[in-house]
Amino acid sequence: MLQALGGDTKTDEASFRVLNPNGAHAIAVGIDAPLDVEIAGHVGYYCGGMNKWASIVIDGNAGQGVGENMMSGLIHVKGDASQCAGATAHGGLLLIEGNASARCGISMKGVDIVVKGGLGHLSGFMGQIGRLVAFGDAGEALGDSIYETRIYVRGKVESLGADCIEKELKDEHRAELFALLKQAGEAHRVDVSEFRRYGSARKLYNFHIDNVGAY
């Protein structure tokens, strides 16, 4: 029903509440309209996938692939998110109040992801563009094979992946980070200077025999 409200379909009903989701998969997938959707409970795989325009609030935890390939809008997870949160997403904001498991933001293509907890291993893997922010710690191989995604982590990083390095946190990055924290409702509660910035060393863009071990 929610998907049918997109495109040329007109509706006066802009707000919906999904009751008793009971961990079902693919809830609120493919919305193409500026709707407000509240899901009252835990969801399974791919909730909010391909979202366009909608604001989706999940009052619980989310299974694998929440917000996968989202284009715009907001997905707000009030609990934890399983692996591959925001995978291949092109735009919008994915806000996770708890922790995100492995491969958060894998191959992200323009989305902003703010995680108020920690990140699992291989988060930001092959991140092409966008911003990934974590208030807590990050697991192994953060940003492995990263392109131009910017990663900000306040806690400890277990290890960096291939071609990912720590970079200077300049004033422009502090301003960028502050704007993201403002969207997440944390602008005046978290000090941007407590974060460290990570990004690409740009050594793997083109094949070079000296870097063969990193491919």
Protein backbone atom coordinates (compact mmCIF):
# COMPACT_ATOMS: atom_id res chain seq x y z
CA MET A 1 0.00 0.00 0.00
CA LEU A 2 2.76 2.47 0.89
CA GLN A 3 4.48 1.86 -2.44
CA ALA A 4 1.25 2.63 -4.31
CA LEU A 5 1.30 6.19 -2.99
CA GLY A 6 4.36 7.14 -5.03
CA GLY A 7 4.68 8.55 -8.50
CA ASP A 8 1.54 10.31 -9.77
CA THR A 9 -0.70 8.99 -7.00
CA LYS A 10 -2.09 11.73 -4.75
CA THR A 11 -3.08 11.25 -1.11
CA ASP A 12 -4.12 13.35 1.87
CA GLU A 13 -2.81 10.64 4.19
CA ALA A 14 0.83 11.57 4.75
CA SER A 15 1.41 9.68 8.03
CA PHE A 16 1.24 5.96 8.68
CA ARG A 17 1.94 3.70 11.67
CA VAL A 18 2.89 0.06 11.18
CA LEU A 19 1.87 -2.04 14.20
CA ASN A 20 3.20 -5.43 15.27
CA PRO A 21 5.92 -5.80 12.61
CA ASN A 22 7.25 -8.87 14.46
CA GLY A 23 10.56 -8.82 12.60
CA ALA A 24 9.01 -9.06 9.15
CA HIS A 25 11.27 -8.46 6.15
CA ALA A 26 11.06 -5.72 3.50
CA ILE A 27 8.76 -3.38 5.43
CA ALA A 28 8.40 0.08 3.83
CA VAL A 29 10.58 -0.85 0.86
CA GLY A 30 10.41 1.21 -2.32
CA ILE A 31 8.48 4.23 -1.04
CA ASP A 32 8.52 7.10 -3.53
CA ALA A 33 6.56 9.80 -1.73
CA PRO A 34 7.12 12.26 1.16
CA LEU A 35 5.40 10.11 3.77
CA ASP A 36 5.98 9.82 7.52
CA VAL A 37 6.10 6.17 8.53
CA GLU A 38 6.51 4.93 12.10
CA ILE A 39 7.14 1.22 12.63
CA ALA A 40 6.27 0.18 16.18
CA GLY A 41 8.70 -2.64 16.84
CA HIS A 42 11.62 -4.64 15.48
CA VAL A 43 12.02 -5.22 11.74
CA GLY A 44 13.76 -7.88 9.66
CA TYR A 45 15.85 -7.57 6.51
CA TYR A 46 15.96 -4.59 4.13
CA CYS A 47 13.54 -2.27 5.91
CA GLY A 48 13.28 1.05 4.07
CA GLY A 49 15.27 -0.20 1.11
CA MET A 50 15.25 2.09 -1.95
CA ASN A 51 13.56 4.80 0.11
CA LYS A 52 12.88 8.04 -1.72
CA TRP A 53 11.50 11.10 0.10
CA ALA A 54 9.97 9.28 3.09
CA SER A 55 10.81 9.69 6.76
CA ILE A 56 10.83 6.22 8.35
CA VAL A 57 11.21 5.74 12.10
CA ILE A 58 11.82 2.24 13.48
CA ASP A 59 10.98 1.90 17.17
CA GLY A 60 13.27 -1.07 17.67
CA ASN A 61 16.14 -2.97 16.10
CA ALA A 62 16.65 -3.50 12.37
CA GLY A 63 17.87 -6.60 10.57
CA GLN A 64 20.33 -6.85 7.71
CA GLY A 65 20.39 -4.19 5.01
CA VAL A 66 18.25 -1.46 6.58
CA GLY A 67 18.15 1.48 4.16
CA GLU A 68 19.88 -0.47 1.40
CA ASN A 69 20.08 1.60 -1.80
CA MET A 70 18.05 4.45 -0.29
CA MET A 71 18.00 7.56 -2.47
CA SER A 72 16.77 10.31 -0.14
CA GLY A 73 14.72 10.94 2.97
CA LEU A 74 15.39 9.77 6.52
CA ILE A 75 15.56 6.36 8.17
CA HIS A 76 15.86 6.53 11.96
CA VAL A 77 16.59 3.29 13.81
CA LYS A 78 16.02 3.74 17.53
CA GLY A 79 17.78 0.48 18.39
CA ASP A 80 20.67 -1.46 16.86
CA ALA A 81 21.18 -2.31 13.19
CA SER A 82 22.47 -5.59 11.82
CA GLN A 83 25.10 -5.88 9.09
CA CYS A 84 25.19 -3.94 5.80
CA ALA A 85 23.15 -0.98 7.07
CA GLY A 86 22.94 1.63 4.32
CA ALA A 87 24.63 -0.59 1.74
CA THR A 88 24.94 1.07 -1.70
CA ALA A 89 22.77 3.99 -0.54
CA HIS A 90 22.87 7.10 -2.74
CA GLY A 91 21.42 9.81 -0.50
CA GLY A 92 19.42 10.82 2.53
CA LEU A 93 20.29 10.26 6.20
CA LEU A 94 20.44 6.93 8.01
CA LEU A 95 20.47 7.55 11.76
CA ILE A 96 21.13 4.64 14.13
CA GLU A 97 20.76 5.26 17.85
CA GLY A 98 22.52 2.04 18.89
CA ASN A 99 25.30 0.00 17.31
CA ALA A 100 25.75 -1.02 13.67
CA SER A 101 27.13 -4.45 12.86
CA ALA A 102 29.62 -5.45 10.16
CA ARG A 103 29.87 -3.72 6.78
CA CYS A 104 27.87 -0.65 7.69
CA GLY A 105 27.92 1.67 4.69
CA ILE A 106 29.41 -0.87 2.30
CA SER A 107 29.76 0.70 -1.17
CA MET A 108 27.89 3.81 -0.02
CA LYS A 109 27.35 6.27 -2.86
CA GLY A 110 26.31 9.56 -1.27
CA VAL A 111 24.31 8.71 1.84
CA ASP A 112 25.07 10.16 5.27
CA ILE A 113 25.15 7.58 8.07
CA VAL A 114 25.31 8.59 11.73
CA VAL A 115 25.73 5.80 14.29
CA LYS A 116 25.53 6.82 17.95
CA GLY A 117 27.12 3.54 19.03
CA GLY A 118 29.93 1.55 17.44
CA LEU A 119 30.66 0.02 14.04
CA GLY A 120 31.40 -3.60 13.19
CA HIS A 121 34.26 -4.83 11.02
CA LEU A 122 34.66 -3.72 7.39
CA SER A 123 32.41 -0.71 7.82
CA GLY A 124 32.79 1.79 5.00
CA PHE A 125 34.18 -0.94 2.71
CA MET A 126 34.50 0.47 -0.82
CA GLY A 127 32.73 3.65 0.28
CA GLN A 128 32.55 5.86 -2.78
CA ILE A 129 31.11 9.13 -1.49
CA GLY A 130 29.15 10.34 1.54
CA ARG A 131 29.88 10.59 5.26
CA LEU A 132 29.98 7.83 7.90
CA VAL A 133 30.01 8.94 11.54
CA ALA A 134 30.37 6.78 14.66
CA PHE A 135 30.27 7.99 18.24
CA GLY A 136 31.73 4.74 19.56
CA ASP A 137 34.50 2.35 18.50
CA ALA A 138 35.05 0.79 15.07
CA GLY A 139 36.04 -2.81 14.34
CA GLU A 140 38.68 -4.27 12.04
CA ALA A 141 39.43 -3.06 8.49
CA LEU A 142 37.57 0.24 8.71
CA GLY A 143 37.27 1.86 5.28
CA ASP A 144 38.87 -1.02 3.39
CA SER A 145 39.36 -0.11 -0.30
CA ILE A 146 37.68 3.24 0.31
CA TYR A 147 37.25 5.85 -2.41
CA GLU A 148 36.07 9.35 -1.36
CA THR A 149 33.76 8.65 1.58
CA ARG A 150 34.72 10.57 4.71
CA ILE A 151 34.67 8.61 7.97
CA TYR A 152 34.53 10.23 11.41
CA VAL A 153 35.01 8.09 14.53
CA ARG A 154 35.05 9.34 18.11
CA GLY A 155 36.13 6.07 19.71
CA LYS A 156 38.97 3.64 19.04
CA VAL A 157 39.55 1.99 15.68
CA GLU A 158 40.69 -1.63 15.86
CA SER A 159 42.41 -1.45 12.47
CA LEU A 160 42.23 0.33 9.13
CA GLY A 161 41.60 -1.49 5.86
CA ALA A 162 43.58 -1.32 2.64
CA ASP A 163 44.25 2.24 1.44
CA CYS A 164 42.46 3.84 4.41
CA ILE A 165 44.47 6.29 6.51
CA GLU A 166 43.85 8.82 9.23
CA LYS A 167 43.64 12.38 7.92
CA GLU A 168 43.79 15.83 9.45
CA LEU A 169 40.56 17.15 10.93
CA LYS A 170 40.44 20.65 9.45
CA ASP A 171 37.97 23.45 10.14
CA GLU A 172 35.95 22.51 7.04
CA HIS A 173 35.58 18.98 8.36
CA ARG A 174 34.56 20.21 11.80
CA ALA A 175 31.86 22.32 10.14
CA GLU A 176 30.72 19.36 8.04
CA LEU A 177 30.62 17.11 11.09
CA PHE A 178 28.75 19.71 13.16
CA ALA A 179 26.06 19.91 10.46
CA LEU A 180 25.66 16.13 10.54
CA LEU A 181 25.46 16.09 14.32
CA LYS A 182 22.82 18.83 14.13
CA GLN A 183 20.71 16.63 11.87
CA ALA A 184 21.14 13.83 14.41
CA GLY A 185 20.07 16.06 17.32
CA GLU A 186 23.51 15.96 18.95
CA ALA A 187 25.11 19.23 17.78
CA HIS A 188 25.56 20.75 21.22
CA ARG A 189 25.98 17.51 23.15
CA VAL A 190 29.01 16.06 21.35
CA ASP A 191 32.26 17.94 20.70
CA VAL A 192 33.36 17.60 17.07
CA SER A 193 36.99 17.92 18.16
CA GLU A 194 36.71 14.49 19.83
CA PHE A 195 36.41 12.80 16.42
CA ARG A 196 39.19 11.61 14.11
CA ARG A 197 38.86 11.62 10.33
CA TYR A 198 39.69 8.73 8.00
CA GLY A 199 39.76 8.54 4.23
CA SER A 200 41.50 7.21 1.15
CA ALA A 201 45.25 7.32 0.61
CA ARG A 202 44.36 7.16 -3.12
CA LYS A 203 46.96 4.48 -3.88
CA LEU A 204 44.55 1.88 -5.25
CA TYR A 205 42.69 4.00 -7.82
CA ASN A 206 44.90 2.59 -10.57
CA PHE A 207 46.77 -0.69 -10.58
CA HIS A 208 50.43 -0.41 -9.65
CA ILE A 209 52.71 -3.40 -9.13
CA ASP A 210 54.17 -1.92 -5.95
CA ASN A 211 50.70 -2.11 -4.32
CA VAL A 212 49.77 -5.58 -5.54
CA GLY A 213 49.66 -6.95 -2.00
CA ALA A 214 46.88 -4.54 -1.04
CA TYR A 215 44.43 -5.57 -3.79
